Amino acid sequence: QVQLVESGGGLVQPGGSLRLSCAASGSVWSPNTMGWYRQAEGKQRELVATIDSGGNTKYADSGKGRFTISRDNAKNTLYLQMNSLKPEDTAVYYCYYFAHPFMLAYWGLGTQVTVSS
């Protein structure tokens, strides 16, 4: 079992920056993919970005050029650096982990990001 705990959310002004973290504990397997999804009120959950254990990244168009996903394998921690934030980025951001050998997916409980003046 894998536990995921997000942190770093909060209230920021448009144009500001925020850095989200996701600490993974338990049985972490390779190869794996970790990523960030978000869900705005009244909307469906959508992909933000993913990164696999080889360092390959993918970004949704919504955050491309503004967001950077990274991971520190020694700390079992995932990050999302968000710059030039817009009000439409307001959502609950969820960390996820997928273990390829076992076809198992895990989700964190989410952290609220609010972009408003």
C-alpha atoms as a PDB file:
ATOM      1  CA  GLN A   1       0.000   0.000   0.000  1.00  0.00           C
ATOM      2  CA  VAL A   2       1.171   3.522  -0.850  1.00  0.00           C
ATOM      3  CA  GLN A   3       0.199   6.660   1.037  1.00  0.00           C
ATOM      4  CA  LEU A   4       0.352  10.052  -0.673  1.00  0.00           C
ATOM      5  CA  VAL A   5       0.244  13.345   1.224  1.00  0.00           C
ATOM      6  CA  GLU A   6       0.051  16.646  -0.653  1.00  0.00           C
ATOM      7  CA  SER A   7       1.131  20.009   0.712  1.00  0.00           C
ATOM      8  CA  GLY A   8       1.821  23.531  -0.509  1.00  0.00           C
ATOM      9  CA  GLY A   9      -1.628  24.649  -1.580  1.00  0.00           C
ATOM     10  CA  GLY A  10      -3.091  27.977  -0.609  1.00  0.00           C
ATOM     11  CA  LEU A  11      -4.345  31.351  -1.775  1.00  0.00           C
ATOM     12  CA  VAL A  12      -2.264  33.284  -4.300  1.00  0.00           C
ATOM     13  CA  GLN A  13      -2.814  36.310  -6.522  1.00  0.00           C
ATOM     14  CA  PRO A  14      -3.025  36.014 -10.303  1.00  0.00           C
ATOM     15  CA  GLY A  15       0.463  35.909 -11.745  1.00  0.00           C
ATOM     16  CA  GLY A  16       1.875  34.421  -8.571  1.00  0.00           C
ATOM     17  CA  SER A  17       3.662  31.137  -8.001  1.00  0.00           C
ATOM     18  CA  LEU A  18       3.106  28.079  -5.879  1.00  0.00           C
ATOM     19  CA  ARG A  19       5.046  24.872  -5.323  1.00  0.00           C
ATOM     20  CA  LEU A  20       3.124  21.721  -4.472  1.00  0.00           C
ATOM     21  CA  SER A  21       4.719  18.678  -2.875  1.00  0.00           C
ATOM     22  CA  CYS A  22       3.573  15.082  -2.586  1.00  0.00           C
ATOM     23  CA  ALA A  23       5.316  12.767  -0.156  1.00  0.00           C
ATOM     24  CA  ALA A  24       4.960   9.054  -0.863  1.00  0.00           C
ATOM     25  CA  SER A  25       5.391   6.376   1.760  1.00  0.00           C
ATOM     26  CA  GLY A  26       4.866   2.642   1.949  1.00  0.00           C
ATOM     27  CA  SER A  27       5.700   0.255  -0.868  1.00  0.00           C
ATOM     28  CA  VAL A  28       7.033   2.316  -3.763  1.00  0.00           C
ATOM     29  CA  TRP A  29       7.775   0.249  -6.855  1.00  0.00           C
ATOM     30  CA  SER A  30       9.556   0.782 -10.147  1.00  0.00           C
ATOM     31  CA  PRO A  31       8.762   1.376 -12.887  1.00  0.00           C
ATOM     32  CA  ASN A  32       6.087   3.826 -11.866  1.00  0.00           C
ATOM     33  CA  THR A  33       4.377   7.003 -12.935  1.00  0.00           C
ATOM     34  CA  MET A  34       3.495   9.875 -10.640  1.00  0.00           C
ATOM     35  CA  GLY A  35       1.486  12.906 -11.510  1.00  0.00           C
ATOM     36  CA  TRP A  36      -0.856  15.722 -10.669  1.00  0.00           C
ATOM     37  CA  TYR A  37      -4.525  16.022 -11.474  1.00  0.00           C
ATOM     38  CA  ARG A  38      -6.896  18.801 -10.560  1.00  0.00           C
ATOM     39  CA  GLN A  39     -10.620  19.236 -10.129  1.00  0.00           C
ATOM     40  CA  ALA A  40     -12.370  22.579 -10.102  1.00  0.00           C
ATOM     41  CA  GLU A  41     -15.779  22.999  -8.504  1.00  0.00           C
ATOM     42  CA  GLY A  42     -18.450  21.712 -10.840  1.00  0.00           C
ATOM     43  CA  LYS A  43     -15.875  20.269 -13.242  1.00  0.00           C
ATOM     44  CA  GLN A  44     -14.428  16.831 -13.892  1.00  0.00           C
ATOM     45  CA  ARG A  45     -10.972  15.856 -12.719  1.00  0.00           C
ATOM     46  CA  GLU A  46      -8.332  16.551 -15.357  1.00  0.00           C
ATOM     47  CA  LEU A  47      -4.697  15.736 -15.945  1.00  0.00           C
ATOM     48  CA  VAL A  48      -2.104  18.396 -15.147  1.00  0.00           C
ATOM     49  CA  ALA A  49       1.207  16.578 -15.656  1.00  0.00           C
ATOM     50  CA  THR A  50       2.924  13.215 -15.203  1.00  0.00           C
ATOM     51  CA  ILE A  51       6.474  12.001 -14.745  1.00  0.00           C
ATOM     52  CA  ASP A  52       7.648   8.408 -14.824  1.00  0.00           C
ATOM     53  CA  SER A  53      10.512   6.797 -12.932  1.00  0.00           C
ATOM     54  CA  GLY A  54      12.771   7.417 -15.930  1.00  0.00           C
ATOM     55  CA  GLY A  55      12.155  11.157 -15.769  1.00  0.00           C
ATOM     56  CA  ASN A  56       9.921  11.392 -18.829  1.00  0.00           C
ATOM     57  CA  THR A  57       7.312  14.127 -18.483  1.00  0.00           C
ATOM     58  CA  LYS A  58       3.967  14.926 -20.065  1.00  0.00           C
ATOM     59  CA  TYR A  59       1.923  18.098 -19.679  1.00  0.00           C
ATOM     60  CA  ALA A  60      -1.625  19.043 -20.396  1.00  0.00           C
ATOM     61  CA  ASP A  61      -1.999  22.107 -22.597  1.00  0.00           C
ATOM     62  CA  SER A  62      -3.505  24.052 -19.696  1.00  0.00           C
ATOM     63  CA  GLY A  63      -0.227  24.229 -17.792  1.00  0.00           C
ATOM     64  CA  LYS A  64       2.317  23.810 -20.553  1.00  0.00           C
ATOM     65  CA  GLY A  65       4.985  26.491 -20.336  1.00  0.00           C
ATOM     66  CA  ARG A  66       3.880  27.563 -16.849  1.00  0.00           C
ATOM     67  CA  PHE A  67       4.073  24.373 -14.794  1.00  0.00           C
ATOM     68  CA  THR A  68       7.028  22.086 -14.145  1.00  0.00           C
ATOM     69  CA  ILE A  69       6.730  18.603 -12.695  1.00  0.00           C
ATOM     70  CA  SER A  70       9.714  16.962 -11.020  1.00  0.00           C
ATOM     71  CA  ARG A  71      10.554  14.246  -8.532  1.00  0.00           C
ATOM     72  CA  ASP A  72      13.192  13.489  -5.941  1.00  0.00           C
ATOM     73  CA  ASN A  73      13.486   9.723  -5.876  1.00  0.00           C
ATOM     74  CA  ALA A  74      15.742   9.736  -2.804  1.00  0.00           C
ATOM     75  CA  LYS A  75      12.968  11.459  -0.851  1.00  0.00           C
ATOM     76  CA  ASN A  76      10.072   9.723  -2.621  1.00  0.00           C
ATOM     77  CA  THR A  77       8.628  13.168  -3.236  1.00  0.00           C
ATOM     78  CA  LEU A  78       6.826  14.645  -6.231  1.00  0.00           C
ATOM     79  CA  TYR A  79       6.706  18.379  -6.965  1.00  0.00           C
ATOM     80  CA  LEU A  80       4.721  20.740  -9.120  1.00  0.00           C
ATOM     81  CA  GLN A  81       6.092  24.238  -9.639  1.00  0.00           C
ATOM     82  CA  MET A  82       3.303  26.517 -10.835  1.00  0.00           C
ATOM     83  CA  ASN A  83       4.127  29.952 -12.216  1.00  0.00           C
ATOM     84  CA  SER A  84       2.018  32.690 -13.781  1.00  0.00           C
ATOM     85  CA  LEU A  85      -1.060  31.347 -12.058  1.00  0.00           C
ATOM     86  CA  LYS A  86      -4.480  32.232 -13.417  1.00  0.00           C
ATOM     87  CA  PRO A  87      -7.903  32.231 -11.748  1.00  0.00           C
ATOM     88  CA  GLU A  88      -8.853  29.243 -13.892  1.00  0.00           C
ATOM     89  CA  ASP A  89      -6.099  27.268 -12.153  1.00  0.00           C
ATOM     90  CA  THR A  90      -8.238  27.302  -9.006  1.00  0.00           C
ATOM     91  CA  ALA A  91      -8.948  23.686  -8.086  1.00  0.00           C
ATOM     92  CA  VAL A  92      -8.175  20.878  -5.711  1.00  0.00           C
ATOM     93  CA  TYR A  93      -4.904  19.343  -6.837  1.00  0.00           C
ATOM     94  CA  TYR A  94      -4.431  15.604  -6.379  1.00  0.00           C
ATOM     95  CA  CYS A  95      -1.236  13.588  -6.361  1.00  0.00           C
ATOM     96  CA  TYR A  96      -1.340  10.137  -7.916  1.00  0.00           C
ATOM     97  CA  TYR A  97       0.950   7.152  -8.147  1.00  0.00           C
ATOM     98  CA  PHE A  98       0.737   4.228 -10.570  1.00  0.00           C
ATOM     99  CA  ALA A  99       2.797   1.066 -10.168  1.00  0.00           C
ATOM    100  CA  HIS A 100       3.172  -0.487 -13.599  1.00  0.00           C
ATOM    101  CA  PRO A 101       4.157  -4.041 -12.532  1.00  0.00           C
ATOM    102  CA  PHE A 102       0.999  -4.389 -10.443  1.00  0.00           C
ATOM    103  CA  MET A 103      -1.389  -2.114 -12.346  1.00  0.00           C
ATOM    104  CA  LEU A 104      -2.212  -0.320  -9.096  1.00  0.00           C
ATOM    105  CA  ALA A 105      -3.142   3.339  -8.716  1.00  0.00           C
ATOM    106  CA  TYR A 106      -3.190   5.465  -5.563  1.00  0.00           C
ATOM    107  CA  TRP A 107      -4.476   8.969  -4.889  1.00  0.00           C
ATOM    108  CA  GLY A 108      -3.781  11.595  -2.290  1.00  0.00           C
ATOM    109  CA  LEU A 109      -6.575  13.491  -0.567  1.00  0.00           C
ATOM    110  CA  GLY A 110      -5.831  16.713  -2.423  1.00  0.00           C
ATOM    111  CA  THR A 111      -4.736  20.242  -1.610  1.00  0.00           C
ATOM    112  CA  GLN A 112      -6.708  23.381  -2.426  1.00  0.00           C
ATOM    113  CA  VAL A 113      -5.209  25.988  -4.738  1.00  0.00           C
ATOM    114  CA  THR A 114      -7.090  29.266  -5.042  1.00  0.00           C
ATOM    115  CA  VAL A 115      -5.945  31.990  -7.433  1.00  0.00           C
ATOM    116  CA  SER A 116      -7.752  35.234  -6.694  1.00  0.00           C
ATOM    117  CA  SER A 117      -7.136  38.894  -5.996  1.00  0.00           C
END
